[in-house]
PDB file of all heavy atoms in Angstrom:
ATOM      1  N   CYS A   1      41.007 -61.157  86.629  1.00  0.00           N
ATOM      2  CA  CYS A   1      42.030 -61.417  85.648  1.00  0.00           C
ATOM      3  C   CYS A   1      42.385 -60.269  84.639  1.00  0.00           C
ATOM      4  O   CYS A   1      43.176 -60.311  83.904  1.00  0.00           O
ATOM      5  CB  CYS A   1      41.611 -62.643  84.820  1.00  0.00           C
ATOM      6  SG  CYS A   1      40.160 -62.321  83.729  1.00  0.00           S
ATOM      7  N   LYS A   2      41.550 -59.085  84.896  1.00  0.00           N
ATOM      8  CA  LYS A   2      41.741 -57.882  84.164  1.00  0.00           C
ATOM      9  C   LYS A   2      41.345 -57.968  82.644  1.00  0.00           C
ATOM     10  O   LYS A   2      41.587 -57.106  81.961  1.00  0.00           O
ATOM     11  CB  LYS A   2      43.183 -57.439  84.157  1.00  0.00           C
ATOM     12  CG  LYS A   2      43.792 -57.265  85.516  1.00  0.00           C
ATOM     13  CD  LYS A   2      42.971 -56.433  86.479  1.00  0.00           C
ATOM     14  CE  LYS A   2      43.531 -56.267  87.819  1.00  0.00           C
ATOM     15  NZ  LYS A   2      42.709 -55.530  88.775  1.00  0.00           N
ATOM     16  N   LYS A   3      40.606 -59.171  82.340  1.00  0.00           N
ATOM     17  CA  LYS A   3      40.086 -59.225  80.886  1.00  0.00           C
ATOM     18  C   LYS A   3      39.091 -58.196  80.641  1.00  0.00           C
ATOM     19  O   LYS A   3      38.190 -57.978  81.584  1.00  0.00           O
ATOM     20  CB  LYS A   3      39.475 -60.599  80.701  1.00  0.00           C
ATOM     21  CG  LYS A   3      38.868 -60.825  79.349  1.00  0.00           C
ATOM     22  CD  LYS A   3      40.000 -60.966  78.373  1.00  0.00           C
ATOM     23  CE  LYS A   3      39.369 -61.322  76.900  1.00  0.00           C
ATOM     24  NZ  LYS A   3      40.388 -61.361  75.868  1.00  0.00           N
ATOM     25  N   ILE A   4      39.171 -57.495  79.621  1.00  0.00           N
ATOM     26  CA  ILE A   4      38.231 -56.429  79.296  1.00  0.00           C
ATOM     27  C   ILE A   4      37.099 -56.931  78.428  1.00  0.00           C
ATOM     28  O   ILE A   4      37.304 -57.560  77.375  1.00  0.00           O
ATOM     29  CB  ILE A   4      38.873 -55.145  78.617  1.00  0.00           C
ATOM     30  CG1 ILE A   4      39.898 -54.539  79.632  1.00  0.00           C
ATOM     31  CG2 ILE A   4      37.907 -54.097  78.181  1.00  0.00           C
ATOM     32  CD1 ILE A   4      40.771 -53.502  79.052  1.00  0.00           C
ATOM     33  N   HIS A   5      35.893 -56.585  78.872  1.00  0.00           N
ATOM     34  CA  HIS A   5      34.657 -57.029  78.089  1.00  0.00           C
ATOM     35  C   HIS A   5      34.127 -55.746  77.477  1.00  0.00           C
ATOM     36  O   HIS A   5      33.667 -54.784  78.234  1.00  0.00           O
ATOM     37  CB  HIS A   5      33.711 -57.650  79.028  1.00  0.00           C
ATOM     38  CG  HIS A   5      34.055 -58.925  79.672  1.00  0.00           C
ATOM     39  ND1 HIS A   5      35.127 -59.029  80.550  1.00  0.00           N
ATOM     40  CD2 HIS A   5      33.622 -60.187  79.448  1.00  0.00           C
ATOM     41  CE1 HIS A   5      35.355 -60.249  80.866  1.00  0.00           C
ATOM     42  NE2 HIS A   5      34.419 -61.023  80.228  1.00  0.00           N
ATOM     43  N   GLY A   6      34.124 -55.517  76.162  1.00  0.00           N
ATOM     44  CA  GLY A   6      33.724 -54.425  75.553  1.00  0.00           C
ATOM     45  C   GLY A   6      34.929 -53.507  75.181  1.00  0.00           C
ATOM     46  O   GLY A   6      36.082 -53.911  75.298  1.00  0.00           O
ATOM     47  N   LEU A   7      34.724 -52.271  74.780  1.00  0.00           N
ATOM     48  CA  LEU A   7      35.715 -51.301  74.454  1.00  0.00           C
ATOM     49  C   LEU A   7      35.959 -50.206  75.500  1.00  0.00           C
ATOM     50  O   LEU A   7      35.019 -49.563  75.862  1.00  0.00           O
ATOM     51  CB  LEU A   7      35.264 -50.575  73.144  1.00  0.00           C
ATOM     52  CG  LEU A   7      36.318 -49.587  72.584  1.00  0.00           C
ATOM     53  CD1 LEU A   7      37.573 -50.298  72.084  1.00  0.00           C
ATOM     54  CD2 LEU A   7      35.717 -48.822  71.402  1.00  0.00           C
ATOM     55  N   LYS A   8      37.100 -50.412  76.154  1.00  0.00           N
ATOM     56  CA  LYS A   8      37.435 -49.526  77.245  1.00  0.00           C
ATOM     57  C   LYS A   8      37.813 -48.175  76.668  1.00  0.00           C
ATOM     58  O   LYS A   8      38.775 -48.019  75.933  1.00  0.00           O
ATOM     59  CB  LYS A   8      38.501 -50.159  78.056  1.00  0.00           C
ATOM     60  CG  LYS A   8      39.000 -49.389  79.314  1.00  0.00           C
ATOM     61  CD  LYS A   8      39.990 -50.030  80.187  1.00  0.00           C
ATOM     62  CE  LYS A   8      40.408 -49.225  81.411  1.00  0.00           C
ATOM     63  NZ  LYS A   8      41.429 -49.842  82.175  1.00  0.00           N
ATOM     64  N   LEU A   9      37.163 -47.192  77.333  1.00  0.00           N
ATOM     65  CA  LEU A   9      37.548 -45.752  76.935  1.00  0.00           C
ATOM     66  C   LEU A   9      38.021 -45.028  78.187  1.00  0.00           C
ATOM     67  O   LEU A   9      37.543 -45.367  79.399  1.00  0.00           O
ATOM     68  CB  LEU A   9      36.311 -45.093  76.362  1.00  0.00           C
ATOM     69  CG  LEU A   9      35.767 -45.683  75.089  1.00  0.00           C
ATOM     70  CD1 LEU A   9      34.444 -44.913  74.631  1.00  0.00           C
ATOM     71  CD2 LEU A   9      36.713 -45.692  73.919  1.00  0.00           C
ATOM     72  N   GLY A  10      38.905 -44.117  78.048  1.00  0.00           N
ATOM     73  CA  GLY A  10      39.380 -43.317  79.179  1.00  0.00           C
ATOM     74  C   GLY A  10      38.799 -42.009  79.219  1.00  0.00           C
ATOM     75  O   GLY A  10      37.760 -41.637  78.587  1.00  0.00           O
ATOM     76  N   THR A  11      39.315 -41.092  80.116  1.00  0.00           N
ATOM     77  CA  THR A  11      38.822 -39.717  80.292  1.00  0.00           C
ATOM     78  C   THR A  11      39.908 -38.642  80.134  1.00  0.00           C
ATOM     79  O   THR A  11      39.770 -37.607  80.618  1.00  0.00           O
ATOM     80  CB  THR A  11      38.268 -39.563  81.756  1.00  0.00           C
ATOM     81  OG1 THR A  11      39.295 -39.903  82.688  1.00  0.00           O
ATOM     82  CG2 THR A  11      37.191 -40.635  82.014  1.00  0.00           C
ATOM     83  N   CYS A  12      40.870 -38.980  79.287  1.00  0.00           N
ATOM     84  CA  CYS A  12      41.991 -37.943  79.010  1.00  0.00           C
ATOM     85  C   CYS A  12      41.367 -36.731  78.354  1.00  0.00           C
ATOM     86  O   CYS A  12      40.556 -36.912  77.435  1.00  0.00           O
ATOM     87  CB  CYS A  12      42.966 -38.607  78.093  1.00  0.00           C
ATOM     88  SG  CYS A  12      44.243 -37.412  77.601  1.00  0.00           S
ATOM     89  N   PRO A  13      41.717 -35.554  78.888  1.00  0.00           N
ATOM     90  CA  PRO A  13      41.211 -34.306  78.169  1.00  0.00           C
ATOM     91  C   PRO A  13      41.737 -34.206  76.743  1.00  0.00           C
ATOM     92  O   PRO A  13      42.723 -34.886  76.391  1.00  0.00           O
ATOM     93  CB  PRO A  13      41.793 -33.107  79.069  1.00  0.00           C
ATOM     94  CG  PRO A  13      42.050 -33.777  80.355  1.00  0.00           C
ATOM     95  CD  PRO A  13      42.417 -35.248  80.098  1.00  0.00           C
ATOM     96  N   GLY A  14      41.179 -33.418  75.872  1.00  0.00           N
ATOM     97  CA  GLY A  14      41.567 -33.269  74.549  1.00  0.00           C
ATOM     98  C   GLY A  14      42.962 -32.618  74.372  1.00  0.00           C
ATOM     99  O   GLY A  14      43.299 -31.913  75.252  1.00  0.00           O
ATOM    100  N   GLY A  15      43.676 -32.982  73.340  1.00  0.00           N
ATOM    101  CA  GLY A  15      44.972 -32.395  73.067  1.00  0.00           C
ATOM    102  C   GLY A  15      45.544 -32.858  71.793  1.00  0.00           C
ATOM    103  O   GLY A  15      44.655 -33.287  70.866  1.00  0.00           O
ATOM    104  N   GLU A  16      46.798 -32.844  71.603  1.00  0.00           N
ATOM    105  CA  GLU A  16      47.413 -33.235  70.349  1.00  0.00           C
ATOM    106  C   GLU A  16      48.471 -34.328  70.683  1.00  0.00           C
ATOM    107  O   GLU A  16      49.223 -34.168  71.565  1.00  0.00           O
ATOM    108  CB  GLU A  16      48.031 -32.069  69.617  1.00  0.00           C
ATOM    109  CG  GLU A  16      47.123 -30.959  69.201  1.00  0.00           C
ATOM    110  CD  GLU A  16      46.922 -30.011  70.330  1.00  0.00           C
ATOM    111  OE1 GLU A  16      47.833 -29.641  71.099  1.00  0.00           O
ATOM    112  OE2 GLU A  16      45.687 -29.454  70.472  1.00  0.00           O
ATOM    113  N   MET A  17      48.511 -35.241  69.657  1.00  0.00           N
ATOM    114  CA  MET A  17      49.620 -36.260  69.710  1.00  0.00           C
ATOM    115  C   MET A  17      50.360 -36.183  68.274  1.00  0.00           C
ATOM    116  O   MET A  17      49.622 -36.114  67.303  1.00  0.00           O
ATOM    117  CB  MET A  17      49.107 -37.635  69.975  1.00  0.00           C
ATOM    118  CG  MET A  17      50.122 -38.850  69.751  1.00  0.00           C
ATOM    119  SD  MET A  17      49.413 -40.373  69.804  1.00  0.00           S
ATOM    120  CE  MET A  17      50.814 -41.460  69.611  1.00  0.00           C
ATOM    121  N   GLU A  18      51.678 -36.095  68.324  1.00  0.00           N
ATOM    122  CA  GLU A  18      52.416 -36.087  67.022  1.00  0.00           C
ATOM    123  C   GLU A  18      53.552 -36.984  67.223  1.00  0.00           C
ATOM    124  O   GLU A  18      54.049 -37.187  68.296  1.00  0.00           O
ATOM    125  CB  GLU A  18      52.683 -34.622  66.631  1.00  0.00           C
ATOM    126  CG  GLU A  18      53.474 -33.900  67.632  1.00  0.00           C
ATOM    127  CD  GLU A  18      53.747 -32.386  67.232  1.00  0.00           C
ATOM    128  OE1 GLU A  18      53.621 -32.191  66.010  1.00  0.00           O
ATOM    129  OE2 GLU A  18      54.046 -31.547  68.083  1.00  0.00           O
ATOM    130  N   TYR A  19      54.208 -37.299  66.061  1.00  0.00           N
ATOM    131  CA  TYR A  19      55.365 -38.160  66.112  1.00  0.00           C
ATOM    132  C   TYR A  19      56.211 -38.006  64.883  1.00  0.00           C
ATOM    133  O   TYR A  19      55.611 -37.573  63.879  1.00  0.00           O
ATOM    134  CB  TYR A  19      55.032 -39.698  66.311  1.00  0.00           C
ATOM    135  CG  TYR A  19      54.031 -40.176  65.305  1.00  0.00           C
ATOM    136  CD1 TYR A  19      54.457 -40.774  64.150  1.00  0.00           C
ATOM    137  CD2 TYR A  19      52.645 -40.141  65.537  1.00  0.00           C
ATOM    138  CE1 TYR A  19      53.536 -41.264  63.203  1.00  0.00           C
ATOM    139  CE2 TYR A  19      51.744 -40.463  64.605  1.00  0.00           C
ATOM    140  CZ  TYR A  19      52.190 -41.102  63.398  1.00  0.00           C
ATOM    141  OH  TYR A  19      51.259 -41.564  62.502  1.00  0.00           O
ATOM    142  N   TRP A  20      57.452 -38.291  65.044  1.00  0.00           N
ATOM    143  CA  TRP A  20      58.273 -38.146  63.830  1.00  0.00           C
ATOM    144  C   TRP A  20      59.585 -39.031  64.123  1.00  0.00           C
ATOM    145  O   TRP A  20      59.805 -39.460  65.246  1.00  0.00           O
ATOM    146  CB  TRP A  20      58.775 -36.642  63.638  1.00  0.00           C
ATOM    147  CG  TRP A  20      59.450 -36.002  64.814  1.00  0.00           C
ATOM    148  CD1 TRP A  20      60.796 -36.025  65.048  1.00  0.00           C
ATOM    149  CD2 TRP A  20      58.800 -35.376  65.856  1.00  0.00           C
ATOM    150  NE1 TRP A  20      61.089 -35.333  66.193  1.00  0.00           N
ATOM    151  CE2 TRP A  20      59.946 -34.927  66.740  1.00  0.00           C
ATOM    152  CE3 TRP A  20      57.487 -35.033  66.158  1.00  0.00           C
ATOM    153  CZ2 TRP A  20      59.580 -34.140  67.913  1.00  0.00           C
ATOM    154  CZ3 TRP A  20      57.294 -34.251  67.294  1.00  0.00           C
ATOM    155  CH2 TRP A  20      58.286 -33.907  68.130  1.00  0.00           C
ATOM    156  N   THR A  21      60.399 -39.308  63.033  1.00  0.00           N
ATOM    157  CA  THR A  21      61.507 -40.120  63.136  1.00  0.00           C
ATOM    158  C   THR A  21      62.771 -39.249  63.246  1.00  0.00           C
ATOM    159  O   THR A  21      62.827 -38.116  62.837  1.00  0.00           O
ATOM    160  CB  THR A  21      61.639 -41.032  61.922  1.00  0.00           C
ATOM    161  OG1 THR A  21      61.673 -40.251  60.772  1.00  0.00           O
ATOM    162  CG2 THR A  21      60.448 -42.030  61.830  1.00  0.00           C
ATOM    163  N   LEU A  22      63.830 -39.860  63.937  1.00  0.00           N
ATOM    164  CA  LEU A  22      65.118 -39.193  64.119  1.00  0.00           C
ATOM    165  C   LEU A  22      66.119 -40.229  63.490  1.00  0.00           C
ATOM    166  O   LEU A  22      65.996 -41.415  63.775  1.00  0.00           O
ATOM    167  CB  LEU A  22      65.327 -38.970  65.628  1.00  0.00           C
ATOM    168  CG  LEU A  22      64.266 -37.913  66.278  1.00  0.00           C
ATOM    169  CD1 LEU A  22      64.549 -37.962  67.773  1.00  0.00           C
ATOM    170  CD2 LEU A  22      64.516 -36.489  65.714  1.00  0.00           C
ATOM    171  N   PRO A  23      67.291 -39.601  63.016  1.00  0.00           N
ATOM    172  CA  PRO A  23      68.260 -40.575  62.516  1.00  0.00           C
ATOM    173  C   PRO A  23      69.118 -41.132  63.641  1.00  0.00           C
ATOM    174  O   PRO A  23      69.744 -42.159  63.498  1.00  0.00           O
ATOM    175  CB  PRO A  23      69.128 -39.623  61.584  1.00  0.00           C
ATOM    176  CG  PRO A  23      68.823 -38.273  62.085  1.00  0.00           C
ATOM    177  CD  PRO A  23      67.545 -38.251  62.661  1.00  0.00           C
ATOM    178  N   GLU A  24      69.186 -40.460  64.818  1.00  0.00           N
ATOM    179  CA  GLU A  24      69.964 -40.909  65.800  1.00  0.00           C
ATOM    180  C   GLU A  24      69.481 -42.214  66.545  1.00  0.00           C
ATOM    181  O   GLU A  24      68.257 -42.374  66.493  1.00  0.00           O
ATOM    182  CB  GLU A  24      70.121 -39.870  67.002  1.00  0.00           C
ATOM    183  CG  GLU A  24      70.904 -38.637  66.562  1.00  0.00           C
ATOM    184  CD  GLU A  24      69.917 -37.600  65.853  1.00  0.00           C
ATOM    185  OE1 GLU A  24      68.723 -37.914  65.787  1.00  0.00           O
ATOM    186  OE2 GLU A  24      70.455 -36.499  65.444  1.00  0.00           O
ATOM    187  N   SER A  25      70.356 -43.100  66.967  1.00  0.00           N
ATOM    188  CA  SER A  25      69.949 -44.341  67.617  1.00  0.00           C
ATOM    189  C   SER A  25      69.853 -44.239  69.139  1.00  0.00           C
ATOM    190  O   SER A  25      70.525 -43.324  69.705  1.00  0.00           O
ATOM    191  CB  SER A  25      70.944 -45.404  67.333  1.00  0.00           C
ATOM    192  OG  SER A  25      71.076 -45.652  65.890  1.00  0.00           O
ATOM    193  N   LEU A  26      68.975 -44.924  69.646  1.00  0.00           N
ATOM    194  CA  LEU A  26      68.777 -45.084  71.074  1.00  0.00           C
ATOM    195  C   LEU A  26      69.786 -46.092  71.575  1.00  0.00           C
ATOM    196  O   LEU A  26      70.112 -47.087  70.984  1.00  0.00           O
ATOM    197  CB  LEU A  26      67.378 -45.504  71.500  1.00  0.00           C
ATOM    198  CG  LEU A  26      66.282 -44.569  71.216  1.00  0.00           C
ATOM    199  CD1 LEU A  26      64.868 -45.204  71.091  1.00  0.00           C
ATOM    200  CD2 LEU A  26      66.256 -43.437  72.184  1.00  0.00           C
ATOM    201  N   PRO A  27      70.313 -45.866  72.854  1.00  0.00           N
ATOM    202  CA  PRO A  27      71.215 -46.867  73.494  1.00  0.00           C
ATOM    203  C   PRO A  27      70.531 -48.216  73.476  1.00  0.00           C
ATOM    204  O   PRO A  27      69.435 -48.433  73.911  1.00  0.00           O
ATOM    205  CB  PRO A  27      71.471 -46.343  74.916  1.00  0.00           C
ATOM    206  CG  PRO A  27      71.258 -44.908  74.747  1.00  0.00           C
ATOM    207  CD  PRO A  27      70.184 -44.718  73.779  1.00  0.00           C
ATOM    208  N   GLY A  28      71.270 -49.302  72.971  1.00  0.00           N
ATOM    209  CA  GLY A  28      70.753 -50.633  72.906  1.00  0.00           C
ATOM    210  C   GLY A  28      70.054 -50.935  71.605  1.00  0.00           C
ATOM    211  O   GLY A  28      69.591 -52.038  71.467  1.00  0.00           O
ATOM    212  N   HIS A  29      69.873 -49.936  70.692  1.00  0.00           N
ATOM    213  CA  HIS A  29      69.239 -50.064  69.331  1.00  0.00           C
ATOM    214  C   HIS A  29      70.145 -49.450  68.339  1.00  0.00           C
ATOM    215  O   HIS A  29      69.611 -48.531  67.634  1.00  0.00           O
ATOM    216  CB  HIS A  29      67.853 -49.500  69.502  1.00  0.00           C
ATOM    217  CG  HIS A  29      66.871 -50.288  70.413  1.00  0.00           C
ATOM    218  ND1 HIS A  29      66.273 -51.385  70.092  1.00  0.00           N
ATOM    219  CD2 HIS A  29      66.477 -49.898  71.677  1.00  0.00           C
ATOM    220  CE1 HIS A  29      65.487 -51.738  71.160  1.00  0.00           C
ATOM    221  NE2 HIS A  29      65.588 -50.862  72.057  1.00  0.00           N
ATOM    222  N   SER A  30      71.294 -49.766  68.250  1.00  0.00           N
ATOM    223  CA  SER A  30      72.265 -49.152  67.358  1.00  0.00           C
ATOM    224  C   SER A  30      72.028 -49.498  65.916  1.00  0.00           C
ATOM    225  O   SER A  30      72.564 -48.809  65.099  1.00  0.00           O
ATOM    226  CB  SER A  30      73.743 -49.543  67.719  1.00  0.00           C
ATOM    227  OG  SER A  30      73.838 -50.909  67.553  1.00  0.00           O
ATOM    228  N   ASP A  31      71.094 -50.496  65.675  1.00  0.00           N
ATOM    229  CA  ASP A  31      70.906 -50.903  64.337  1.00  0.00           C
ATOM    230  C   ASP A  31      69.796 -50.090  63.582  1.00  0.00           C
ATOM    231  O   ASP A  31      69.372 -50.450  62.508  1.00  0.00           O
ATOM    232  CB  ASP A  31      70.545 -52.381  64.254  1.00  0.00           C
ATOM    233  CG  ASP A  31      69.367 -52.703  65.131  1.00  0.00           C
ATOM    234  OD1 ASP A  31      68.999 -51.873  65.978  1.00  0.00           O
ATOM    235  OD2 ASP A  31      68.729 -53.815  64.896  1.00  0.00           O
ATOM    236  N   CYS A  32      69.196 -49.040  64.351  1.00  0.00           N
ATOM    237  CA  CYS A  32      68.053 -48.337  63.764  1.00  0.00           C
ATOM    238  C   CYS A  32      68.031 -46.961  64.258  1.00  0.00           C
ATOM    239  O   CYS A  32      68.662 -46.619  65.250  1.00  0.00           O
ATOM    240  CB  CYS A  32      66.732 -49.095  63.978  1.00  0.00           C
ATOM    241  SG  CYS A  32      66.214 -49.125  65.665  1.00  0.00           S
ATOM    242  N   GLY A  33      67.286 -46.129  63.567  1.00  0.00           N
ATOM    243  CA  GLY A  33      66.998 -44.782  64.129  1.00  0.00           C
ATOM    244  C   GLY A  33      65.980 -44.823  65.262  1.00  0.00           C
ATOM    245  O   GLY A  33      65.798 -45.895  65.856  1.00  0.00           O
ATOM    246  N   SER A  34      65.288 -43.687  65.512  1.00  0.00           N
ATOM    247  CA  SER A  34      64.355 -43.620  66.590  1.00  0.00           C
ATOM    248  C   SER A  34      63.099 -42.916  66.276  1.00  0.00           C
ATOM    249  O   SER A  34      63.077 -42.127  65.206  1.00  0.00           O
ATOM    250  CB  SER A  34      65.064 -42.947  67.890  1.00  0.00           C
ATOM    251  OG  SER A  34      65.566 -41.736  67.541  1.00  0.00           O
ATOM    252  N   ILE A  35      62.164 -42.994  67.134  1.00  0.00           N
ATOM    253  CA  ILE A  35      60.865 -42.263  66.936  1.00  0.00           C
ATOM    254  C   ILE A  35      60.627 -41.430  68.190  1.00  0.00           C
ATOM    255  O   ILE A  35      60.746 -41.884  69.336  1.00  0.00           O
ATOM    256  CB  ILE A  35      59.685 -43.255  66.784  1.00  0.00           C
ATOM    257  CG1 ILE A  35      59.943 -44.268  65.604  1.00  0.00           C
ATOM    258  CG2 ILE A  35      58.386 -42.534  66.679  1.00  0.00           C
ATOM    259  CD1 ILE A  35      58.961 -45.442  65.651  1.00  0.00           C
ATOM    260  N   CYS A  36      60.241 -40.239  67.975  1.00  0.00           N
ATOM    261  CA  CYS A  36      59.830 -39.242  69.010  1.00  0.00           C
ATOM    262  C   CYS A  36      58.287 -39.077  68.987  1.00  0.00           C
ATOM    263  O   CYS A  36      57.725 -38.800  68.000  1.00  0.00           O
ATOM    264  CB  CYS A  36      60.559 -37.862  68.859  1.00  0.00           C
ATOM    265  SG  CYS A  36      60.113 -36.724  70.208  1.00  0.00           S
ATOM    266  N   VAL A  37      57.726 -39.321  70.075  1.00  0.00           N
ATOM    267  CA  VAL A  37      56.307 -39.133  70.284  1.00  0.00           C
ATOM    268  C   VAL A  37      56.087 -37.909  71.240  1.00  0.00           C
ATOM    269  O   VAL A  37      56.630 -37.924  72.340  1.00  0.00           O
ATOM    270  CB  VAL A  37      55.584 -40.382  70.807  1.00  0.00           C
ATOM    271  CG1 VAL A  37      54.103 -40.174  70.790  1.00  0.00           C
ATOM    272  CG2 VAL A  37      55.976 -41.560  70.093  1.00  0.00           C
ATOM    273  N   ARG A  38      55.229 -36.993  70.845  1.00  0.00           N
ATOM    274  CA  ARG A  38      54.979 -35.833  71.676  1.00  0.00           C
ATOM    275  C   ARG A  38      53.517 -35.653  71.924  1.00  0.00           C
ATOM    276  O   ARG A  38      52.669 -35.712  70.937  1.00  0.00           O
ATOM    277  CB  ARG A  38      55.561 -34.619  70.935  1.00  0.00           C
ATOM    278  CG  ARG A  38      55.318 -33.275  71.659  1.00  0.00           C
ATOM    279  CD  ARG A  38      55.981 -32.177  70.808  1.00  0.00           C
ATOM    280  NE  ARG A  38      55.916 -30.820  71.407  1.00  0.00           N
ATOM    281  CZ  ARG A  38      54.863 -30.026  71.277  1.00  0.00           C
ATOM    282  NH1 ARG A  38      53.838 -30.293  70.444  1.00  0.00           N
ATOM    283  NH2 ARG A  38      54.887 -28.808  71.825  1.00  0.00           N
TER     284      ARG A  38
END
């Protein structure tokens, strides 16, 4: 059933994650701006 018992951790190498907001809207979401994740 894919139920996880305990805290599942991965093996992704180290790096950076950052994010910021943009005033432009995404198609289908004209009522708000957007978020970029890098």
